[in-house]
């Protein structure tokens, strides 16, 4: 490290910088005994007592990070314990009695598309079971009933229309094949 040449008369030398180590001491040498590396040099103690950092703990309270006792901790002792964990694969609270979805309500909705009259029957049975057991699935049973009736009506309409076309087609032609 090189120092700039002194400016001014040759006999007049500037005071040492507080930010650089003294010229007679190596910058890699440990600080003098009784002085911490971050403490100001001893010649600056005439400015008054060192100011306390606003980020540290107050002077009258002990630091929360200091070792207190063999089994004491100021901060961590107040943390509540973790709740016990359930078995893997479960999401949410476990379902109690009467809280599951009615199976017949699900089947009612499925059979409304596959075989609509069965969807209607399963929907009515599911509604009765839901009223007595207080299970979930009332809307599924309702939609199974609605779609079952609609698709049953459309199926009956298509069958009647096909039958009418067959009867009309056979009346006008007496011979042929």
C-alpha atoms as a PDB file:
ATOM      1  CA  UNK A   1       0.000   0.000   0.000  1.00  0.00           C
ATOM      2  CA  UNK A   2       1.479   3.292  -0.946  1.00  0.00           C
ATOM      3  CA  UNK A   3       0.716   6.551   0.716  1.00  0.00           C
ATOM      4  CA  UNK A   4       0.370   9.778  -1.218  1.00  0.00           C
ATOM      5  CA  UNK A   5       3.227  12.205  -0.779  1.00  0.00           C
ATOM      6  CA  UNK A   6       2.601  14.784   1.902  1.00  0.00           C
ATOM      7  CA  UNK A   7       1.469  18.146   0.652  1.00  0.00           C
ATOM      8  CA  UNK A   8       2.762  21.281   2.218  1.00  0.00           C
ATOM      9  CA  UNK A   9       6.119  22.107   3.771  1.00  0.00           C
ATOM     10  CA  UNK A  10       8.459  19.132   4.208  1.00  0.00           C
ATOM     11  CA  UNK A  11       8.500  19.306   8.014  1.00  0.00           C
ATOM     12  CA  UNK A  12       4.719  19.511   8.365  1.00  0.00           C
ATOM     13  CA  UNK A  13       3.139  16.044   8.510  1.00  0.00           C
ATOM     14  CA  UNK A  14      -0.622  15.246   8.598  1.00  0.00           C
ATOM     15  CA  UNK A  15      -2.123  13.277  11.482  1.00  0.00           C
ATOM     16  CA  UNK A  16      -2.697   9.566  10.771  1.00  0.00           C
ATOM     17  CA  UNK A  17      -6.022   8.495   9.286  1.00  0.00           C
ATOM     18  CA  UNK A  18      -8.337   6.670  11.697  1.00  0.00           C
ATOM     19  CA  UNK A  19      -9.282   4.296   8.876  1.00  0.00           C
ATOM     20  CA  UNK A  20      -5.783   2.975   8.233  1.00  0.00           C
ATOM     21  CA  UNK A  21      -3.548   0.991  10.575  1.00  0.00           C
ATOM     22  CA  UNK A  22      -0.601   2.838  12.096  1.00  0.00           C
ATOM     23  CA  UNK A  23       2.485   2.941   9.885  1.00  0.00           C
ATOM     24  CA  UNK A  24       4.660   1.198  12.442  1.00  0.00           C
ATOM     25  CA  UNK A  25       2.196  -1.747  12.777  1.00  0.00           C
ATOM     26  CA  UNK A  26       1.450  -4.408  10.155  1.00  0.00           C
ATOM     27  CA  UNK A  27      -2.159  -4.452   8.936  1.00  0.00           C
ATOM     28  CA  UNK A  28      -2.201  -8.217   9.537  1.00  0.00           C
ATOM     29  CA  UNK A  29      -1.076  -8.057  13.162  1.00  0.00           C
ATOM     30  CA  UNK A  30      -3.681  -8.577  15.890  1.00  0.00           C
ATOM     31  CA  UNK A  31      -4.967  -5.465  17.644  1.00  0.00           C
ATOM     32  CA  UNK A  32      -3.338  -4.378  20.871  1.00  0.00           C
ATOM     33  CA  UNK A  33      -4.494  -6.080  24.068  1.00  0.00           C
ATOM     34  CA  UNK A  34      -7.742  -4.703  25.458  1.00  0.00           C
ATOM     35  CA  UNK A  35      -8.901  -3.283  22.115  1.00  0.00           C
ATOM     36  CA  UNK A  36     -11.351  -5.080  19.804  1.00  0.00           C
ATOM     37  CA  UNK A  37     -10.760  -4.979  16.039  1.00  0.00           C
ATOM     38  CA  UNK A  38     -13.871  -2.864  15.472  1.00  0.00           C
ATOM     39  CA  UNK A  39     -13.301  -0.463  18.366  1.00  0.00           C
ATOM     40  CA  UNK A  40     -12.162   3.066  17.526  1.00  0.00           C
ATOM     41  CA  UNK A  41      -8.507   3.858  18.080  1.00  0.00           C
ATOM     42  CA  UNK A  42      -7.568   4.982  21.559  1.00  0.00           C
ATOM     43  CA  UNK A  43      -6.774   8.526  20.430  1.00  0.00           C
ATOM     44  CA  UNK A  44     -10.449   9.075  19.501  1.00  0.00           C
ATOM     45  CA  UNK A  45     -11.736   8.369  23.006  1.00  0.00           C
ATOM     46  CA  UNK A  46     -11.728  12.101  23.707  1.00  0.00           C
ATOM     47  CA  UNK A  47     -14.947  12.461  21.687  1.00  0.00           C
ATOM     48  CA  UNK A  48     -17.042  10.940  24.454  1.00  0.00           C
ATOM     49  CA  UNK A  49     -18.458   7.517  25.244  1.00  0.00           C
ATOM     50  CA  UNK A  50     -19.169   5.300  22.255  1.00  0.00           C
ATOM     51  CA  UNK A  51     -22.741   5.408  21.075  1.00  0.00           C
ATOM     52  CA  UNK A  52     -24.909   2.340  21.487  1.00  0.00           C
ATOM     53  CA  UNK A  53     -26.159   0.771  18.288  1.00  0.00           C
ATOM     54  CA  UNK A  54     -29.909   1.261  17.723  1.00  0.00           C
ATOM     55  CA  UNK A  55     -30.094  -2.309  16.408  1.00  0.00           C
ATOM     56  CA  UNK A  56     -28.856  -4.019  19.548  1.00  0.00           C
ATOM     57  CA  UNK A  57     -30.829  -4.899  22.675  1.00  0.00           C
ATOM     58  CA  UNK A  58     -31.428  -2.179  25.264  1.00  0.00           C
ATOM     59  CA  UNK A  59     -28.670  -1.681  27.822  1.00  0.00           C
ATOM     60  CA  UNK A  60     -30.786  -2.772  30.781  1.00  0.00           C
ATOM     61  CA  UNK A  61     -32.049  -6.040  29.160  1.00  0.00           C
ATOM     62  CA  UNK A  62     -29.930  -9.093  28.466  1.00  0.00           C
ATOM     63  CA  UNK A  63     -29.537 -10.175  24.863  1.00  0.00           C
ATOM     64  CA  UNK A  64     -31.976 -12.933  23.830  1.00  0.00           C
ATOM     65  CA  UNK A  65     -29.057 -14.718  22.154  1.00  0.00           C
ATOM     66  CA  UNK A  66     -26.896 -15.024  25.238  1.00  0.00           C
ATOM     67  CA  UNK A  67     -26.624 -18.379  27.000  1.00  0.00           C
ATOM     68  CA  UNK A  68     -29.082 -18.277  29.873  1.00  0.00           C
ATOM     69  CA  UNK A  69     -29.313 -21.561  31.689  1.00  0.00           C
ATOM     70  CA  UNK A  70     -28.861 -25.245  31.087  1.00  0.00           C
ATOM     71  CA  UNK A  71     -32.512 -25.812  30.097  1.00  0.00           C
ATOM     72  CA  UNK A  72     -33.835 -22.297  29.576  1.00  0.00           C
ATOM     73  CA  UNK A  73     -34.493 -20.406  26.416  1.00  0.00           C
ATOM     74  CA  UNK A  74     -36.181 -17.030  26.325  1.00  0.00           C
ATOM     75  CA  UNK A  75     -37.687 -17.248  22.840  1.00  0.00           C
ATOM     76  CA  UNK A  76     -38.101 -20.907  21.915  1.00  0.00           C
ATOM     77  CA  UNK A  77     -39.778 -22.021  25.122  1.00  0.00           C
ATOM     78  CA  UNK A  78     -42.981 -20.213  24.127  1.00  0.00           C
ATOM     79  CA  UNK A  79     -43.390 -21.991  20.777  1.00  0.00           C
ATOM     80  CA  UNK A  80     -46.439 -24.296  20.804  1.00  0.00           C
ATOM     81  CA  UNK A  81     -45.864 -27.955  19.954  1.00  0.00           C
ATOM     82  CA  UNK A  82     -46.691 -29.174  16.462  1.00  0.00           C
ATOM     83  CA  UNK A  83     -49.989 -31.028  16.044  1.00  0.00           C
ATOM     84  CA  UNK A  84     -49.716 -34.760  15.400  1.00  0.00           C
ATOM     85  CA  UNK A  85     -49.663 -35.742  11.748  1.00  0.00           C
ATOM     86  CA  UNK A  86     -52.101 -38.184  10.238  1.00  0.00           C
ATOM     87  CA  UNK A  87     -51.211 -41.119   8.042  1.00  0.00           C
ATOM     88  CA  UNK A  88     -49.910 -40.481   4.553  1.00  0.00           C
ATOM     89  CA  UNK A  89     -52.346 -40.166   1.678  1.00  0.00           C
ATOM     90  CA  UNK A  90     -55.110 -38.337   3.536  1.00  0.00           C
ATOM     91  CA  UNK A  91     -56.035 -34.785   2.656  1.00  0.00           C
ATOM     92  CA  UNK A  92     -58.088 -32.619   4.961  1.00  0.00           C
ATOM     93  CA  UNK A  93     -59.885 -33.685   8.098  1.00  0.00           C
ATOM     94  CA  UNK A  94     -60.889 -37.320   8.358  1.00  0.00           C
ATOM     95  CA  UNK A  95     -64.488 -37.963   7.420  1.00  0.00           C
ATOM     96  CA  UNK A  96     -66.646 -39.004  10.326  1.00  0.00           C
ATOM     97  CA  UNK A  97     -69.846 -41.044  10.238  1.00  0.00           C
ATOM     98  CA  UNK A  98     -72.459 -39.533   7.963  1.00  0.00           C
ATOM     99  CA  UNK A  99     -70.024 -37.226   6.155  1.00  0.00           C
ATOM    100  CA  UNK A 100     -69.175 -39.349   3.089  1.00  0.00           C
ATOM    101  CA  UNK A 101     -70.829 -39.078  -0.313  1.00  0.00           C
ATOM    102  CA  UNK A 102     -73.714 -41.452  -0.917  1.00  0.00           C
ATOM    103  CA  UNK A 103     -72.687 -44.145  -3.408  1.00  0.00           C
ATOM    104  CA  UNK A 104     -76.182 -44.460  -4.878  1.00  0.00           C
ATOM    105  CA  UNK A 105     -76.171 -40.725  -5.689  1.00  0.00           C
ATOM    106  CA  UNK A 106     -72.990 -41.194  -7.723  1.00  0.00           C
ATOM    107  CA  UNK A 107     -74.417 -44.279  -9.442  1.00  0.00           C
ATOM    108  CA  UNK A 108     -77.622 -42.364 -10.183  1.00  0.00           C
ATOM    109  CA  UNK A 109     -75.686 -39.777 -12.135  1.00  0.00           C
ATOM    110  CA  UNK A 110     -73.650 -42.404 -13.986  1.00  0.00           C
ATOM    111  CA  UNK A 111     -76.660 -44.562 -14.912  1.00  0.00           C
ATOM    112  CA  UNK A 112     -78.593 -41.497 -16.112  1.00  0.00           C
ATOM    113  CA  UNK A 113     -76.263 -41.572 -19.150  1.00  0.00           C
ATOM    114  CA  UNK A 114     -75.928 -45.367 -19.494  1.00  0.00           C
ATOM    115  CA  UNK A 115     -79.462 -46.653 -18.748  1.00  0.00           C
ATOM    116  CA  UNK A 116     -81.722 -43.705 -17.809  1.00  0.00           C
ATOM    117  CA  UNK A 117     -84.566 -45.619 -16.051  1.00  0.00           C
ATOM    118  CA  UNK A 118     -82.021 -47.139 -13.634  1.00  0.00           C
ATOM    119  CA  UNK A 119     -80.655 -43.619 -13.002  1.00  0.00           C
ATOM    120  CA  UNK A 120     -84.146 -42.457 -12.014  1.00  0.00           C
ATOM    121  CA  UNK A 121     -84.667 -45.366  -9.605  1.00  0.00           C
ATOM    122  CA  UNK A 122     -81.209 -44.981  -8.036  1.00  0.00           C
ATOM    123  CA  UNK A 123     -81.770 -41.215  -7.680  1.00  0.00           C
ATOM    124  CA  UNK A 124     -84.981 -41.708  -5.685  1.00  0.00           C
ATOM    125  CA  UNK A 125     -83.389 -44.345  -3.434  1.00  0.00           C
ATOM    126  CA  UNK A 126     -80.326 -42.127  -2.890  1.00  0.00           C
ATOM    127  CA  UNK A 127     -82.508 -39.136  -1.910  1.00  0.00           C
ATOM    128  CA  UNK A 128     -84.289 -41.254   0.726  1.00  0.00           C
ATOM    129  CA  UNK A 129     -80.982 -42.555   2.149  1.00  0.00           C
ATOM    130  CA  UNK A 130     -79.488 -39.046   2.261  1.00  0.00           C
ATOM    131  CA  UNK A 131     -82.493 -37.765   4.226  1.00  0.00           C
ATOM    132  CA  UNK A 132     -82.069 -40.435   6.899  1.00  0.00           C
ATOM    133  CA  UNK A 133     -78.261 -40.746   7.090  1.00  0.00           C
ATOM    134  CA  UNK A 134     -77.337 -37.069   6.451  1.00  0.00           C
ATOM    135  CA  UNK A 135     -74.653 -38.031   3.936  1.00  0.00           C
ATOM    136  CA  UNK A 136     -73.315 -35.781   1.194  1.00  0.00           C
ATOM    137  CA  UNK A 137     -74.481 -36.139  -2.423  1.00  0.00           C
ATOM    138  CA  UNK A 138     -77.935 -34.563  -2.491  1.00  0.00           C
ATOM    139  CA  UNK A 139     -77.110 -32.516  -5.594  1.00  0.00           C
ATOM    140  CA  UNK A 140     -75.636 -35.565  -7.337  1.00  0.00           C
ATOM    141  CA  UNK A 141     -78.879 -37.481  -6.725  1.00  0.00           C
ATOM    142  CA  UNK A 142     -80.933 -34.514  -7.944  1.00  0.00           C
ATOM    143  CA  UNK A 143     -78.943 -34.251 -11.176  1.00  0.00           C
ATOM    144  CA  UNK A 144     -79.165 -38.015 -11.611  1.00  0.00           C
ATOM    145  CA  UNK A 145     -82.962 -37.746 -11.346  1.00  0.00           C
ATOM    146  CA  UNK A 146     -83.218 -34.794 -13.751  1.00  0.00           C
ATOM    147  CA  UNK A 147     -80.944 -36.313 -16.384  1.00  0.00           C
ATOM    148  CA  UNK A 148     -82.523 -39.752 -15.919  1.00  0.00           C
ATOM    149  CA  UNK A 149     -86.017 -38.369 -16.580  1.00  0.00           C
ATOM    150  CA  UNK A 150     -84.845 -36.253 -19.530  1.00  0.00           C
ATOM    151  CA  UNK A 151     -82.953 -39.089 -21.201  1.00  0.00           C
ATOM    152  CA  UNK A 152     -85.794 -41.550 -20.483  1.00  0.00           C
ATOM    153  CA  UNK A 153     -88.227 -39.133 -22.141  1.00  0.00           C
ATOM    154  CA  UNK A 154     -85.933 -38.639 -25.141  1.00  0.00           C
ATOM    155  CA  UNK A 155     -85.487 -42.418 -25.467  1.00  0.00           C
ATOM    156  CA  UNK A 156     -89.273 -42.992 -25.356  1.00  0.00           C
ATOM    157  CA  UNK A 157     -89.819 -40.224 -27.899  1.00  0.00           C
ATOM    158  CA  UNK A 158     -87.197 -41.749 -30.225  1.00  0.00           C
ATOM    159  CA  UNK A 159     -88.739 -45.236 -29.875  1.00  0.00           C
ATOM    160  CA  UNK A 160     -92.257 -43.935 -30.568  1.00  0.00           C
ATOM    161  CA  UNK A 161     -91.003 -41.978 -33.576  1.00  0.00           C
ATOM    162  CA  UNK A 162     -89.247 -45.023 -34.978  1.00  0.00           C
ATOM    163  CA  UNK A 163     -92.365 -47.162 -34.448  1.00  0.00           C
ATOM    164  CA  UNK A 164     -94.510 -44.547 -36.205  1.00  0.00           C
ATOM    165  CA  UNK A 165     -92.141 -44.479 -39.182  1.00  0.00           C
ATOM    166  CA  UNK A 166     -92.236 -48.271 -39.432  1.00  0.00           C
ATOM    167  CA  UNK A 167     -96.066 -48.357 -39.340  1.00  0.00           C
ATOM    168  CA  UNK A 168     -96.437 -45.560 -41.901  1.00  0.00           C
ATOM    169  CA  UNK A 169     -93.935 -47.169 -44.228  1.00  0.00           C
ATOM    170  CA  UNK A 170     -95.700 -50.574 -44.254  1.00  0.00           C
ATOM    171  CA  UNK A 171     -99.281 -49.408 -44.933  1.00  0.00           C
ATOM    172  CA  UNK A 172     -98.966 -48.089 -48.507  1.00  0.00           C
ATOM    173  CA  UNK A 173     -97.176 -51.005 -50.128  1.00  0.00           C
ATOM    174  CA  UNK A 174     -98.921 -54.381 -50.262  1.00  0.00           C
ATOM    175  CA  UNK A 175     -96.598 -56.223 -52.580  1.00  0.00           C
ATOM    176  CA  UNK A 176     -92.980 -56.261 -53.162  1.00  0.00           C
ATOM    177  CA  UNK A 177     -90.424 -58.441 -51.822  1.00  0.00           C
END
